[in-house]
């Protein structure tokens, strides 16, 4: 993935947890991303939890201004893990 992406909109693409994890890993090296919309994809509650990958993404990406991860079926535990990394 390009390290110079500024906005990424991939909502409503039927991406599941495995694909979502790969996307977050790929975007972790991007230092210019400001807007990321991965809503309505069911990346949460999969066989493999991607909460740790999302948490790592937040640790490395400091330029993000807007993130939409709504309607992705995250469990309560996944939401807690992700929210801790935002703090």
PDB file of N, CA and C in Angstrom:
ATOM      1  N   UNK A   1       0.830  -1.173   0.000  1.00  0.00           N
ATOM      2  CA  UNK A   1       0.000   0.000   0.000  1.00  0.00           C
ATOM      3  C   UNK A   1       0.878   1.241   0.000  1.00  0.00           C
ATOM      4  N   UNK A   2       0.391   2.281  -0.572  1.00  0.00           N
ATOM      5  CA  UNK A   2       1.139   3.530  -0.643  1.00  0.00           C
ATOM      6  C   UNK A   2       1.328   4.135   0.743  1.00  0.00           C
ATOM      7  N   UNK A   3       2.506   4.648   0.975  1.00  0.00           N
ATOM      8  CA  UNK A   3       2.776   5.318   2.243  1.00  0.00           C
ATOM      9  C   UNK A   3       2.322   6.764   2.207  1.00  0.00           C
ATOM     10  N   UNK A   4       1.768   7.215   1.087  1.00  0.00           N
ATOM     11  CA  UNK A   4       1.344   8.605   0.936  1.00  0.00           C
ATOM     12  C   UNK A   4      -0.165   8.775   0.852  1.00  0.00           C
ATOM     13  N   UNK A   5      -0.928   7.773   1.198  1.00  0.00           N
ATOM     14  CA  UNK A   5      -2.383   7.890   1.169  1.00  0.00           C
ATOM     15  C   UNK A   5      -2.839   8.902   2.216  1.00  0.00           C
ATOM     16  N   UNK A   6      -3.790   9.730   1.830  1.00  0.00           N
ATOM     17  CA  UNK A   6      -4.334  10.717   2.762  1.00  0.00           C
ATOM     18  C   UNK A   6      -5.740  10.316   3.206  1.00  0.00           C
ATOM     19  N   UNK A   7      -6.532   9.758   2.287  1.00  0.00           N
ATOM     20  CA  UNK A   7      -7.891   9.332   2.598  1.00  0.00           C
ATOM     21  C   UNK A   7      -8.134   7.944   2.011  1.00  0.00           C
ATOM     22  N   UNK A   8      -8.794   7.080   2.799  1.00  0.00           N
ATOM     23  CA  UNK A   8      -9.154   5.732   2.339  1.00  0.00           C
ATOM     24  C   UNK A   8     -10.611   5.486   2.727  1.00  0.00           C
ATOM     25  N   UNK A   9     -11.431   5.178   1.735  1.00  0.00           N
ATOM     26  CA  UNK A   9     -12.848   4.879   1.942  1.00  0.00           C
ATOM     27  C   UNK A   9     -13.127   3.474   1.426  1.00  0.00           C
ATOM     28  N   UNK A  10     -13.317   2.530   2.333  1.00  0.00           N
ATOM     29  CA  UNK A  10     -13.602   1.146   1.917  1.00  0.00           C
ATOM     30  C   UNK A  10     -14.820   0.599   2.674  1.00  0.00           C
ATOM     31  N   UNK A  11     -15.800   1.449   2.896  1.00  0.00           N
ATOM     32  CA  UNK A  11     -17.019   1.024   3.585  1.00  0.00           C
ATOM     33  C   UNK A  11     -17.898   0.178   2.659  1.00  0.00           C
ATOM     34  N   UNK A  12     -18.732  -0.661   3.272  1.00  0.00           N
ATOM     35  CA  UNK A  12     -19.687  -1.517   2.556  1.00  0.00           C
ATOM     36  C   UNK A  12     -19.011  -2.426   1.514  1.00  0.00           C
ATOM     37  N   UNK A  13     -17.951  -3.124   1.899  1.00  0.00           N
ATOM     38  CA  UNK A  13     -17.247  -4.013   0.977  1.00  0.00           C
ATOM     39  C   UNK A  13     -17.220  -5.469   1.426  1.00  0.00           C
ATOM     40  N   UNK A  14     -17.968  -5.811   2.451  1.00  0.00           N
ATOM     41  CA  UNK A  14     -18.033  -7.182   2.965  1.00  0.00           C
ATOM     42  C   UNK A  14     -16.658  -7.715   3.370  1.00  0.00           C
ATOM     43  N   UNK A  15     -15.824  -6.831   3.890  1.00  0.00           N
ATOM     44  CA  UNK A  15     -14.523  -7.237   4.406  1.00  0.00           C
ATOM     45  C   UNK A  15     -14.754  -7.871   5.772  1.00  0.00           C
ATOM     46  N   UNK A  16     -14.181  -9.007   6.014  1.00  0.00           N
ATOM     47  CA  UNK A  16     -14.335  -9.698   7.303  1.00  0.00           C
ATOM     48  C   UNK A  16     -13.089  -9.466   8.154  1.00  0.00           C
ATOM     49  N   UNK A  17     -12.990 -10.155   9.282  1.00  0.00           N
ATOM     50  CA  UNK A  17     -11.910  -9.896  10.235  1.00  0.00           C
ATOM     51  C   UNK A  17     -10.519 -10.136   9.656  1.00  0.00           C
ATOM     52  N   UNK A  18     -10.319 -11.209   8.927  1.00  0.00           N
ATOM     53  CA  UNK A  18      -8.990 -11.494   8.380  1.00  0.00           C
ATOM     54  C   UNK A  18      -8.549 -10.396   7.411  1.00  0.00           C
ATOM     55  N   UNK A  19      -9.420 -10.015   6.492  1.00  0.00           N
ATOM     56  CA  UNK A  19      -9.110  -8.955   5.538  1.00  0.00           C
ATOM     57  C   UNK A  19      -8.914  -7.614   6.225  1.00  0.00           C
ATOM     58  N   UNK A  20      -9.734  -7.341   7.221  1.00  0.00           N
ATOM     59  CA  UNK A  20      -9.596  -6.102   7.972  1.00  0.00           C
ATOM     60  C   UNK A  20      -8.258  -6.020   8.679  1.00  0.00           C
ATOM     61  N   UNK A  21      -7.828  -7.146   9.248  1.00  0.00           N
ATOM     62  CA  UNK A  21      -6.527  -7.185   9.910  1.00  0.00           C
ATOM     63  C   UNK A  21      -5.395  -6.893   8.950  1.00  0.00           C
ATOM     64  N   UNK A  22      -5.480  -7.461   7.760  1.00  0.00           N
ATOM     65  CA  UNK A  22      -4.442  -7.222   6.752  1.00  0.00           C
ATOM     66  C   UNK A  22      -4.415  -5.756   6.315  1.00  0.00           C
ATOM     67  N   UNK A  23      -5.586  -5.159   6.191  1.00  0.00           N
ATOM     68  CA  UNK A  23      -5.660  -3.748   5.802  1.00  0.00           C
ATOM     69  C   UNK A  23      -5.051  -2.859   6.883  1.00  0.00           C
ATOM     70  N   UNK A  24      -5.402  -3.113   8.150  1.00  0.00           N
ATOM     71  CA  UNK A  24      -4.836  -2.310   9.232  1.00  0.00           C
ATOM     72  C   UNK A  24      -3.326  -2.484   9.317  1.00  0.00           C
ATOM     73  N   UNK A  25      -2.826  -3.702   9.110  1.00  0.00           N
ATOM     74  CA  UNK A  25      -1.374  -3.928   9.115  1.00  0.00           C
ATOM     75  C   UNK A  25      -0.705  -3.155   7.984  1.00  0.00           C
ATOM     76  N   UNK A  26      -1.297  -3.191   6.795  1.00  0.00           N
ATOM     77  CA  UNK A  26      -0.726  -2.489   5.647  1.00  0.00           C
ATOM     78  C   UNK A  26      -0.709  -0.979   5.869  1.00  0.00           C
ATOM     79  N   UNK A  27      -1.751  -0.462   6.486  1.00  0.00           N
ATOM     80  CA  UNK A  27      -1.835   0.982   6.708  1.00  0.00           C
ATOM     81  C   UNK A  27      -0.998   1.456   7.891  1.00  0.00           C
ATOM     82  N   UNK A  28      -0.488   0.542   8.686  1.00  0.00           N
ATOM     83  CA  UNK A  28       0.313   0.912   9.854  1.00  0.00           C
ATOM     84  C   UNK A  28       1.578   1.661   9.474  1.00  0.00           C
ATOM     85  N   UNK A  29       2.084   1.413   8.291  1.00  0.00           N
ATOM     86  CA  UNK A  29       3.314   2.092   7.863  1.00  0.00           C
ATOM     87  C   UNK A  29       3.034   3.455   7.240  1.00  0.00           C
ATOM     88  N   UNK A  30       1.771   3.786   7.052  1.00  0.00           N
ATOM     89  CA  UNK A  30       1.404   5.059   6.443  1.00  0.00           C
ATOM     90  C   UNK A  30       1.456   6.166   7.492  1.00  0.00           C
ATOM     91  N   UNK A  31       2.198   7.214   7.211  1.00  0.00           N
ATOM     92  CA  UNK A  31       2.333   8.319   8.164  1.00  0.00           C
ATOM     93  C   UNK A  31       1.552   9.563   7.748  1.00  0.00           C
ATOM     94  N   UNK A  32       0.811   9.477   6.645  1.00  0.00           N
ATOM     95  CA  UNK A  32       0.076  10.644   6.145  1.00  0.00           C
ATOM     96  C   UNK A  32      -1.432  10.463   6.153  1.00  0.00           C
ATOM     97  N   UNK A  33      -1.917   9.281   6.534  1.00  0.00           N
ATOM     98  CA  UNK A  33      -3.350   8.995   6.494  1.00  0.00           C
ATOM     99  C   UNK A  33      -4.105   9.884   7.472  1.00  0.00           C
ATOM    100  N   UNK A  34      -5.097  10.598   6.959  1.00  0.00           N
ATOM    101  CA  UNK A  34      -5.901  11.498   7.782  1.00  0.00           C
ATOM    102  C   UNK A  34      -7.342  11.013   7.956  1.00  0.00           C
ATOM    103  N   UNK A  35      -7.905  10.361   6.928  1.00  0.00           N
ATOM    104  CA  UNK A  35      -9.294   9.901   6.962  1.00  0.00           C
ATOM    105  C   UNK A  35      -9.334   8.433   6.555  1.00  0.00           C
ATOM    106  N   UNK A  36      -9.976   7.622   7.388  1.00  0.00           N
ATOM    107  CA  UNK A  36     -10.088   6.186   7.101  1.00  0.00           C
ATOM    108  C   UNK A  36     -11.501   5.734   7.450  1.00  0.00           C
ATOM    109  N   UNK A  37     -12.235   5.264   6.446  1.00  0.00           N
ATOM    110  CA  UNK A  37     -13.606   4.778   6.641  1.00  0.00           C
ATOM    111  C   UNK A  37     -13.655   3.306   6.260  1.00  0.00           C
ATOM    112  N   UNK A  38     -13.782   2.452   7.272  1.00  0.00           N
ATOM    113  CA  UNK A  38     -13.892   1.012   7.062  1.00  0.00           C
ATOM    114  C   UNK A  38     -15.198   0.506   7.698  1.00  0.00           C
ATOM    115  N   UNK A  39     -16.206   1.377   7.716  1.00  0.00           N
ATOM    116  CA  UNK A  39     -17.489   1.055   8.339  1.00  0.00           C
ATOM    117  C   UNK A  39     -18.276   0.019   7.534  1.00  0.00           C
ATOM    118  N   UNK A  40     -19.222  -0.629   8.228  1.00  0.00           N
ATOM    119  CA  UNK A  40     -20.144  -1.589   7.620  1.00  0.00           C
ATOM    120  C   UNK A  40     -19.426  -2.741   6.899  1.00  0.00           C
ATOM    121  N   UNK A  41     -18.450  -3.351   7.547  1.00  0.00           N
ATOM    122  CA  UNK A  41     -17.694  -4.438   6.932  1.00  0.00           C
ATOM    123  C   UNK A  41     -17.625  -5.713   7.769  1.00  0.00           C
ATOM    124  N   UNK A  42     -18.125  -5.724   8.986  1.00  0.00           N
ATOM    125  CA  UNK A  42     -18.078  -6.909   9.862  1.00  0.00           C
ATOM    126  C   UNK A  42     -16.654  -7.386  10.135  1.00  0.00           C
ATOM    127  N   UNK A  43     -15.755  -6.440  10.400  1.00  0.00           N
ATOM    128  CA  UNK A  43     -14.380  -6.844  10.707  1.00  0.00           C
ATOM    129  C   UNK A  43     -14.229  -7.300  12.156  1.00  0.00           C
ATOM    130  N   UNK A  44     -15.213  -7.014  12.996  1.00  0.00           N
ATOM    131  CA  UNK A  44     -15.190  -7.475  14.376  1.00  0.00           C
ATOM    132  C   UNK A  44     -15.871  -8.820  14.507  1.00  0.00           C
ATOM    133  N   UNK A  45     -15.739  -9.419  15.677  1.00  0.00           N
ATOM    134  CA  UNK A  45     -16.420 -10.674  16.013  1.00  0.00           C
ATOM    135  C   UNK A  45     -16.110 -11.816  15.060  1.00  0.00           C
ATOM    136  N   UNK A  46     -14.946 -11.831  14.504  1.00  0.00           N
ATOM    137  CA  UNK A  46     -14.566 -12.929  13.621  1.00  0.00           C
ATOM    138  C   UNK A  46     -13.962 -14.067  14.407  1.00  0.00           C
ATOM    139  N   UNK A  47     -13.577 -15.099  13.713  1.00  0.00           N
ATOM    140  CA  UNK A  47     -12.906 -16.226  14.345  1.00  0.00           C
ATOM    141  C   UNK A  47     -11.599 -15.746  14.977  1.00  0.00           C
ATOM    142  N   UNK A  48     -10.942 -14.825  14.290  1.00  0.00           N
ATOM    143  CA  UNK A  48      -9.705 -14.221  14.786  1.00  0.00           C
ATOM    144  C   UNK A  48     -10.009 -12.768  15.138  1.00  0.00           C
ATOM    145  N   UNK A  49      -9.756 -12.374  16.386  1.00  0.00           N
ATOM    146  CA  UNK A  49      -9.974 -10.986  16.780  1.00  0.00           C
ATOM    147  C   UNK A  49      -8.866 -10.106  16.204  1.00  0.00           C
ATOM    148  N   UNK A  50      -9.254  -8.990  15.629  1.00  0.00           N
ATOM    149  CA  UNK A  50      -8.256  -8.077  15.072  1.00  0.00           C
ATOM    150  C   UNK A  50      -8.051  -6.865  15.978  1.00  0.00           C
ATOM    151  N   UNK A  51      -8.593  -6.902  17.180  1.00  0.00           N
ATOM    152  CA  UNK A  51      -8.467  -5.772  18.095  1.00  0.00           C
ATOM    153  C   UNK A  51      -7.007  -5.424  18.354  1.00  0.00           C
ATOM    154  N   UNK A  52      -6.143  -6.413  18.472  1.00  0.00           N
ATOM    155  CA  UNK A  52      -4.730  -6.132  18.715  1.00  0.00           C
ATOM    156  C   UNK A  52      -4.076  -5.468  17.509  1.00  0.00           C
ATOM    157  N   UNK A  53      -4.481  -5.836  16.298  1.00  0.00           N
ATOM    158  CA  UNK A  53      -3.940  -5.217  15.083  1.00  0.00           C
ATOM    159  C   UNK A  53      -4.408  -3.768  14.983  1.00  0.00           C
ATOM    160  N   UNK A  54      -5.673  -3.524  15.307  1.00  0.00           N
ATOM    161  CA  UNK A  54      -6.205  -2.160  15.300  1.00  0.00           C
ATOM    162  C   UNK A  54      -5.482  -1.321  16.359  1.00  0.00           C
ATOM    163  N   UNK A  55      -5.234  -1.903  17.512  1.00  0.00           N
ATOM    164  CA  UNK A  55      -4.518  -1.202  18.579  1.00  0.00           C
ATOM    165  C   UNK A  55      -3.112  -0.826  18.142  1.00  0.00           C
ATOM    166  N   UNK A  56      -2.415  -1.720  17.466  1.00  0.00           N
ATOM    167  CA  UNK A  56      -1.072  -1.429  16.955  1.00  0.00           C
ATOM    168  C   UNK A  56      -1.120  -0.312  15.912  1.00  0.00           C
ATOM    169  N   UNK A  57      -2.153  -0.317  15.093  1.00  0.00           N
ATOM    170  CA  UNK A  57      -2.342   0.735  14.096  1.00  0.00           C
ATOM    171  C   UNK A  57      -2.399   2.105  14.767  1.00  0.00           C
ATOM    172  N   UNK A  58      -3.143   2.207  15.879  1.00  0.00           N
ATOM    173  CA  UNK A  58      -3.266   3.482  16.589  1.00  0.00           C
ATOM    174  C   UNK A  58      -1.948   3.917  17.215  1.00  0.00           C
ATOM    175  N   UNK A  59      -1.123   2.976  17.597  1.00  0.00           N
ATOM    176  CA  UNK A  59       0.167   3.314  18.205  1.00  0.00           C
ATOM    177  C   UNK A  59       1.123   3.909  17.181  1.00  0.00           C
ATOM    178  N   UNK A  60       1.015   3.479  15.929  1.00  0.00           N
ATOM    179  CA  UNK A  60       1.965   3.943  14.907  1.00  0.00           C
ATOM    180  C   UNK A  60       1.442   5.117  14.091  1.00  0.00           C
ATOM    181  N   UNK A  61       0.132   5.239  13.937  1.00  0.00           N
ATOM    182  CA  UNK A  61      -0.427   6.305  13.112  1.00  0.00           C
ATOM    183  C   UNK A  61      -0.852   7.472  13.992  1.00  0.00           C
ATOM    184  N   UNK A  62      -0.128   8.571  13.888  1.00  0.00           N
ATOM    185  CA  UNK A  62      -0.427   9.758  14.691  1.00  0.00           C
ATOM    186  C   UNK A  62      -1.056  10.884  13.875  1.00  0.00           C
ATOM    187  N   UNK A  63      -1.261  10.666  12.578  1.00  0.00           N
ATOM    188  CA  UNK A  63      -1.802  11.721  11.715  1.00  0.00           C
ATOM    189  C   UNK A  63      -3.310  11.598  11.485  1.00  0.00           C
ATOM    190  N   UNK A  64      -3.920  10.500  11.916  1.00  0.00           N
ATOM    191  CA  UNK A  64      -5.331  10.240  11.664  1.00  0.00           C
ATOM    192  C   UNK A  64      -6.213  11.275  12.365  1.00  0.00           C
ATOM    193  N   UNK A  65      -7.148  11.847  11.606  1.00  0.00           N
ATOM    194  CA  UNK A  65      -8.064  12.853  12.135  1.00  0.00           C
ATOM    195  C   UNK A  65      -9.481  12.292  12.232  1.00  0.00           C
ATOM    196  N   UNK A  66      -9.860  11.444  11.276  1.00  0.00           N
ATOM    197  CA  UNK A  66     -11.211  10.880  11.254  1.00  0.00           C
ATOM    198  C   UNK A  66     -11.142   9.386  10.948  1.00  0.00           C
ATOM    199  N   UNK A  67     -11.770   8.593  11.805  1.00  0.00           N
ATOM    200  CA  UNK A  67     -11.843   7.145  11.616  1.00  0.00           C
ATOM    201  C   UNK A  67     -13.282   6.703  11.816  1.00  0.00           C
ATOM    202  N   UNK A  68     -13.832   5.982  10.842  1.00  0.00           N
ATOM    203  CA  UNK A  68     -15.182   5.441  10.977  1.00  0.00           C
ATOM    204  C   UNK A  68     -15.090   3.923  10.934  1.00  0.00           C
ATOM    205  N   UNK A  69     -15.296   3.300  12.088  1.00  0.00           N
ATOM    206  CA  UNK A  69     -15.329   1.837  12.187  1.00  0.00           C
ATOM    207  C   UNK A  69     -16.706   1.372  12.655  1.00  0.00           C
ATOM    208  N   UNK A  70     -17.723   2.169  12.395  1.00  0.00           N
ATOM    209  CA  UNK A  70     -19.063   1.847  12.865  1.00  0.00           C
ATOM    210  C   UNK A  70     -19.627   0.615  12.163  1.00  0.00           C
ATOM    211  N   UNK A  71     -20.532  -0.044  12.847  1.00  0.00           N
ATOM    212  CA  UNK A  71     -21.246  -1.207  12.315  1.00  0.00           C
ATOM    213  C   UNK A  71     -20.311  -2.297  11.799  1.00  0.00           C
ATOM    214  N   UNK A  72     -19.380  -2.706  12.668  1.00  0.00           N
ATOM    215  CA  UNK A  72     -18.449  -3.773  12.332  1.00  0.00           C
ATOM    216  C   UNK A  72     -18.541  -4.958  13.281  1.00  0.00           C
ATOM    217  N   UNK A  73     -19.568  -4.981  14.126  1.00  0.00           N
ATOM    218  CA  UNK A  73     -19.835  -6.116  15.011  1.00  0.00           C
ATOM    219  C   UNK A  73     -18.695  -6.442  15.967  1.00  0.00           C
ATOM    220  N   UNK A  74     -18.030  -5.419  16.505  1.00  0.00           N
ATOM    221  CA  UNK A  74     -17.006  -5.677  17.514  1.00  0.00           C
ATOM    222  C   UNK A  74     -17.674  -6.143  18.798  1.00  0.00           C
ATOM    223  N   UNK A  75     -17.035  -7.079  19.482  1.00  0.00           N
ATOM    224  CA  UNK A  75     -17.540  -7.511  20.783  1.00  0.00           C
ATOM    225  C   UNK A  75     -17.188  -6.444  21.817  1.00  0.00           C
ATOM    226  N   UNK A  76     -17.770  -6.565  22.972  1.00  0.00           N
ATOM    227  CA  UNK A  76     -17.477  -5.636  24.061  1.00  0.00           C
ATOM    228  C   UNK A  76     -15.985  -5.686  24.403  1.00  0.00           C
ATOM    229  N   UNK A  77     -15.421  -6.884  24.472  1.00  0.00           N
ATOM    230  CA  UNK A  77     -14.000  -7.052  24.803  1.00  0.00           C
ATOM    231  C   UNK A  77     -13.099  -6.426  23.742  1.00  0.00           C
ATOM    232  N   UNK A  78     -13.457  -6.595  22.465  1.00  0.00           N
ATOM    233  CA  UNK A  78     -12.684  -5.979  21.387  1.00  0.00           C
ATOM    234  C   UNK A  78     -12.729  -4.456  21.487  1.00  0.00           C
ATOM    235  N   UNK A  79     -13.919  -3.944  21.785  1.00  0.00           N
ATOM    236  CA  UNK A  79     -14.095  -2.497  21.925  1.00  0.00           C
ATOM    237  C   UNK A  79     -13.254  -1.952  23.067  1.00  0.00           C
ATOM    238  N   UNK A  80     -13.202  -2.683  24.192  1.00  0.00           N
ATOM    239  CA  UNK A  80     -12.373  -2.253  25.321  1.00  0.00           C
ATOM    240  C   UNK A  80     -10.899  -2.204  24.940  1.00  0.00           C
ATOM    241  N   UNK A  81     -10.410  -3.239  24.262  1.00  0.00           N
ATOM    242  CA  UNK A  81      -9.008  -3.280  23.864  1.00  0.00           C
ATOM    243  C   UNK A  81      -8.661  -2.130  22.919  1.00  0.00           C
ATOM    244  N   UNK A  82      -9.537  -1.885  21.957  1.00  0.00           N
ATOM    245  CA  UNK A  82      -9.302  -0.796  21.006  1.00  0.00           C
ATOM    246  C   UNK A  82      -9.344   0.553  21.710  1.00  0.00           C
ATOM    247  N   UNK A  83     -10.294   0.753  22.610  1.00  0.00           N
ATOM    248  CA  UNK A  83     -10.417   2.037  23.294  1.00  0.00           C
ATOM    249  C   UNK A  83      -9.208   2.317  24.196  1.00  0.00           C
ATOM    250  N   UNK A  84      -8.619   1.284  24.786  1.00  0.00           N
ATOM    251  CA  UNK A  84      -7.415   1.476  25.606  1.00  0.00           C
ATOM    252  C   UNK A  84      -6.262   2.002  24.751  1.00  0.00           C
ATOM    253  N   UNK A  85      -6.167   1.536  23.537  1.00  0.00           N
ATOM    254  CA  UNK A  85      -5.062   1.996  22.676  1.00  0.00           C
ATOM    255  C   UNK A  85      -5.268   3.435  22.222  1.00  0.00           C
ATOM    256  N   UNK A  86      -6.500   3.903  22.213  1.00  0.00           N
ATOM    257  CA  UNK A  86      -6.782   5.297  21.845  1.00  0.00           C
ATOM    258  C   UNK A  86      -6.358   6.262  22.935  1.00  0.00           C
ATOM    259  N   UNK A  87      -6.355   5.796  24.164  1.00  0.00           N
ATOM    260  CA  UNK A  87      -5.954   6.660  25.284  1.00  0.00           C
ATOM    261  C   UNK A  87      -4.463   6.871  25.231  1.00  0.00           C
TER     262      UNK A  87
END
